[in-house]
Amino acid sequence: MTRPEDGFDVASDVSEQPIGIDVVTRGAKHRAAAAHVKAGSEKTTLSFGLESGLFNIGDAVFDVCVASA
């Protein structure tokens, strides 16, 4: 039996390698919303989504992980 606290594999609806902080953030928000639905939104008060990706500042490339609730 899957328990909500064990987590869910849900789609982010962004590319496999998101590039740009706005895309990474959108992926985390989509994952949080999808996890909330999959857990049973009527029984769940809070769900989190995590998404990792890349973004540029000048010539530097950074790897970031965004968490959304």
N, C-alpha and C. Protein backbone atom coordinates (compact mmCIF):
# COMPACT_ATOMS: atom_id res chain seq x y z
N MET A 1 0.84 -1.18 0.00
CA MET A 1 0.00 0.00 0.00
C MET A 1 0.89 1.25 0.00
N THR A 2 0.57 2.20 -0.86
CA THR A 2 1.34 3.44 -0.93
C THR A 2 0.76 4.45 0.05
N ARG A 3 1.61 4.99 0.87
CA ARG A 3 1.19 6.03 1.81
C ARG A 3 1.63 7.37 1.27
N PRO A 4 0.83 8.42 1.43
CA PRO A 4 1.22 9.75 0.91
C PRO A 4 2.58 10.21 1.39
N GLU A 5 2.94 9.88 2.62
CA GLU A 5 4.24 10.33 3.14
C GLU A 5 5.41 9.62 2.47
N ASP A 6 5.14 8.54 1.73
CA ASP A 6 6.18 7.86 0.97
C ASP A 6 6.51 8.59 -0.32
N GLY A 7 5.63 9.47 -0.77
CA GLY A 7 5.86 10.23 -2.00
C GLY A 7 5.21 9.58 -3.20
N PHE A 8 5.11 10.35 -4.27
CA PHE A 8 4.50 9.90 -5.50
C PHE A 8 5.39 10.28 -6.67
N ASP A 9 5.40 9.43 -7.67
CA ASP A 9 6.07 9.75 -8.92
C ASP A 9 5.07 10.47 -9.80
N VAL A 10 5.24 11.76 -9.99
CA VAL A 10 4.32 12.57 -10.79
C VAL A 10 5.11 13.38 -11.81
N ALA A 11 4.46 13.72 -12.90
CA ALA A 11 5.10 14.48 -13.98
C ALA A 11 5.25 15.94 -13.60
N SER A 12 6.29 16.55 -14.15
CA SER A 12 6.51 17.98 -13.91
C SER A 12 5.92 18.83 -15.04
N ASP A 13 5.66 18.22 -16.18
CA ASP A 13 5.16 18.93 -17.36
C ASP A 13 6.14 19.97 -17.89
N VAL A 14 7.43 19.77 -17.61
CA VAL A 14 8.49 20.58 -18.23
C VAL A 14 9.48 19.60 -18.85
N SER A 15 10.45 20.11 -19.60
CA SER A 15 11.41 19.24 -20.28
C SER A 15 12.21 18.39 -19.28
N GLU A 16 12.79 17.32 -19.79
CA GLU A 16 13.56 16.42 -18.93
C GLU A 16 14.73 17.14 -18.26
N GLN A 17 15.33 18.09 -18.96
CA GLN A 17 16.39 18.93 -18.38
C GLN A 17 15.93 20.39 -18.46
N PRO A 18 15.17 20.84 -17.45
CA PRO A 18 14.67 22.21 -17.49
C PRO A 18 15.82 23.23 -17.42
N ILE A 19 15.68 24.26 -18.23
CA ILE A 19 16.67 25.32 -18.25
C ILE A 19 15.95 26.65 -18.05
N GLY A 20 16.40 27.40 -17.05
CA GLY A 20 15.79 28.68 -16.70
C GLY A 20 15.04 28.54 -15.39
N ILE A 21 15.25 29.49 -14.51
CA ILE A 21 14.64 29.41 -13.18
C ILE A 21 13.12 29.40 -13.26
N ASP A 22 12.55 30.09 -14.24
CA ASP A 22 11.09 30.09 -14.39
C ASP A 22 10.57 28.71 -14.77
N VAL A 23 11.29 27.99 -15.62
CA VAL A 23 10.88 26.64 -16.04
C VAL A 23 11.03 25.66 -14.88
N VAL A 24 12.13 25.76 -14.14
CA VAL A 24 12.36 24.87 -12.99
C VAL A 24 11.29 25.11 -11.93
N THR A 25 10.97 26.36 -11.68
CA THR A 25 9.93 26.70 -10.70
C THR A 25 8.56 26.17 -11.15
N ARG A 26 8.25 26.32 -12.43
CA ARG A 26 6.98 25.80 -12.96
C ARG A 26 6.90 24.28 -12.78
N GLY A 27 8.01 23.58 -13.01
CA GLY A 27 8.04 22.13 -12.83
C GLY A 27 7.76 21.73 -11.38
N ALA A 28 8.36 22.45 -10.43
CA ALA A 28 8.13 22.16 -9.01
C ALA A 28 6.67 22.40 -8.63
N LYS A 29 6.09 23.49 -9.14
CA LYS A 29 4.68 23.79 -8.85
C LYS A 29 3.76 22.72 -9.44
N HIS A 30 4.07 22.28 -10.66
CA HIS A 30 3.26 21.21 -11.27
C HIS A 30 3.35 19.92 -10.47
N ARG A 31 4.55 19.58 -10.03
CA ARG A 31 4.72 18.35 -9.23
C ARG A 31 3.94 18.44 -7.91
N ALA A 32 3.98 19.60 -7.24
CA ALA A 32 3.25 19.77 -5.99
C ALA A 32 1.75 19.61 -6.21
N ALA A 33 1.24 20.22 -7.27
CA ALA A 33 -0.20 20.13 -7.56
C ALA A 33 -0.60 18.71 -7.92
N ALA A 34 0.23 18.03 -8.73
CA ALA A 34 -0.08 16.65 -9.12
C ALA A 34 -0.02 15.70 -7.92
N ALA A 35 0.95 15.92 -7.04
CA ALA A 35 1.05 15.08 -5.83
C ALA A 35 -0.16 15.28 -4.93
N HIS A 36 -0.64 16.51 -4.85
CA HIS A 36 -1.81 16.82 -4.04
C HIS A 36 -3.04 16.07 -4.55
N VAL A 37 -3.21 16.06 -5.86
CA VAL A 37 -4.34 15.34 -6.47
C VAL A 37 -4.17 13.84 -6.26
N LYS A 38 -2.96 13.32 -6.51
CA LYS A 38 -2.72 11.88 -6.39
C LYS A 38 -2.91 11.39 -4.95
N ALA A 39 -2.57 12.23 -3.99
CA ALA A 39 -2.72 11.85 -2.58
C ALA A 39 -4.17 11.88 -2.13
N GLY A 40 -5.01 12.55 -2.91
CA GLY A 40 -6.41 12.70 -2.51
C GLY A 40 -6.59 14.05 -1.86
N SER A 41 -6.81 15.08 -2.67
CA SER A 41 -6.84 16.45 -2.16
C SER A 41 -7.82 16.67 -1.01
N GLU A 42 -8.87 15.87 -0.94
CA GLU A 42 -9.82 16.05 0.17
C GLU A 42 -9.24 15.56 1.49
N LYS A 43 -8.18 14.72 1.44
CA LYS A 43 -7.57 14.18 2.66
C LYS A 43 -6.22 14.81 2.95
N THR A 44 -5.68 15.58 2.02
CA THR A 44 -4.31 16.09 2.13
C THR A 44 -4.33 17.60 2.28
N THR A 45 -3.59 18.10 3.25
CA THR A 45 -3.55 19.54 3.47
C THR A 45 -2.35 20.21 2.82
N LEU A 46 -1.28 19.45 2.59
CA LEU A 46 -0.06 20.05 2.05
C LEU A 46 0.70 19.02 1.22
N SER A 47 1.13 19.42 0.05
CA SER A 47 1.95 18.57 -0.81
C SER A 47 3.13 19.39 -1.31
N PHE A 48 4.25 18.71 -1.53
CA PHE A 48 5.46 19.36 -2.00
C PHE A 48 5.87 18.81 -3.36
N GLY A 49 6.48 19.65 -4.16
CA GLY A 49 7.06 19.23 -5.43
C GLY A 49 8.49 19.72 -5.51
N LEU A 50 9.37 18.88 -6.02
CA LEU A 50 10.78 19.23 -6.19
C LEU A 50 11.14 19.13 -7.67
N GLU A 51 11.91 20.08 -8.15
CA GLU A 51 12.38 20.05 -9.54
C GLU A 51 13.79 20.61 -9.58
N SER A 52 14.67 19.93 -10.28
CA SER A 52 16.05 20.39 -10.47
C SER A 52 16.24 20.82 -11.91
N GLY A 53 17.12 21.79 -12.11
CA GLY A 53 17.40 22.25 -13.45
C GLY A 53 18.57 23.22 -13.45
N LEU A 54 18.78 23.83 -14.59
CA LEU A 54 19.91 24.72 -14.79
C LEU A 54 19.44 26.13 -15.09
N PHE A 55 20.26 27.11 -14.71
CA PHE A 55 20.00 28.48 -15.13
C PHE A 55 21.32 29.23 -15.26
N ASN A 56 21.33 30.25 -16.08
CA ASN A 56 22.53 31.02 -16.36
C ASN A 56 22.47 32.37 -15.67
N ILE A 57 23.62 32.80 -15.20
CA ILE A 57 23.83 34.18 -14.79
C ILE A 57 25.13 34.60 -15.48
N GLY A 58 25.00 35.45 -16.47
CA GLY A 58 26.17 35.81 -17.28
C GLY A 58 26.69 34.58 -17.98
N ASP A 59 27.99 34.31 -17.84
CA ASP A 59 28.62 33.14 -18.46
C ASP A 59 28.61 31.92 -17.56
N ALA A 60 28.11 32.06 -16.34
CA ALA A 60 28.10 30.94 -15.38
C ALA A 60 26.79 30.17 -15.47
N VAL A 61 26.89 28.84 -15.31
CA VAL A 61 25.72 27.97 -15.30
C VAL A 61 25.59 27.39 -13.90
N PHE A 62 24.37 27.45 -13.35
CA PHE A 62 24.11 26.95 -12.01
C PHE A 62 23.07 25.84 -12.05
N ASP A 63 23.25 24.86 -11.16
CA ASP A 63 22.28 23.79 -10.97
C ASP A 63 21.48 24.15 -9.74
N VAL A 64 20.15 24.11 -9.85
CA VAL A 64 19.30 24.52 -8.74
C VAL A 64 18.22 23.46 -8.52
N CYS A 65 17.78 23.34 -7.30
CA CYS A 65 16.63 22.51 -6.96
C CYS A 65 15.59 23.43 -6.31
N VAL A 66 14.39 23.44 -6.88
CA VAL A 66 13.31 24.29 -6.38
C VAL A 66 12.30 23.41 -5.67
N ALA A 67 11.85 23.84 -4.50
CA ALA A 67 10.79 23.17 -3.76
C ALA A 67 9.56 24.07 -3.78
N SER A 68 8.40 23.47 -4.01
CA SER A 68 7.15 24.22 -4.02
C SER A 68 6.12 23.45 -3.21
N ALA A 69 5.25 24.18 -2.57
CA ALA A 69 4.16 23.55 -1.79
C ALA A 69 2.85 23.95 -2.39
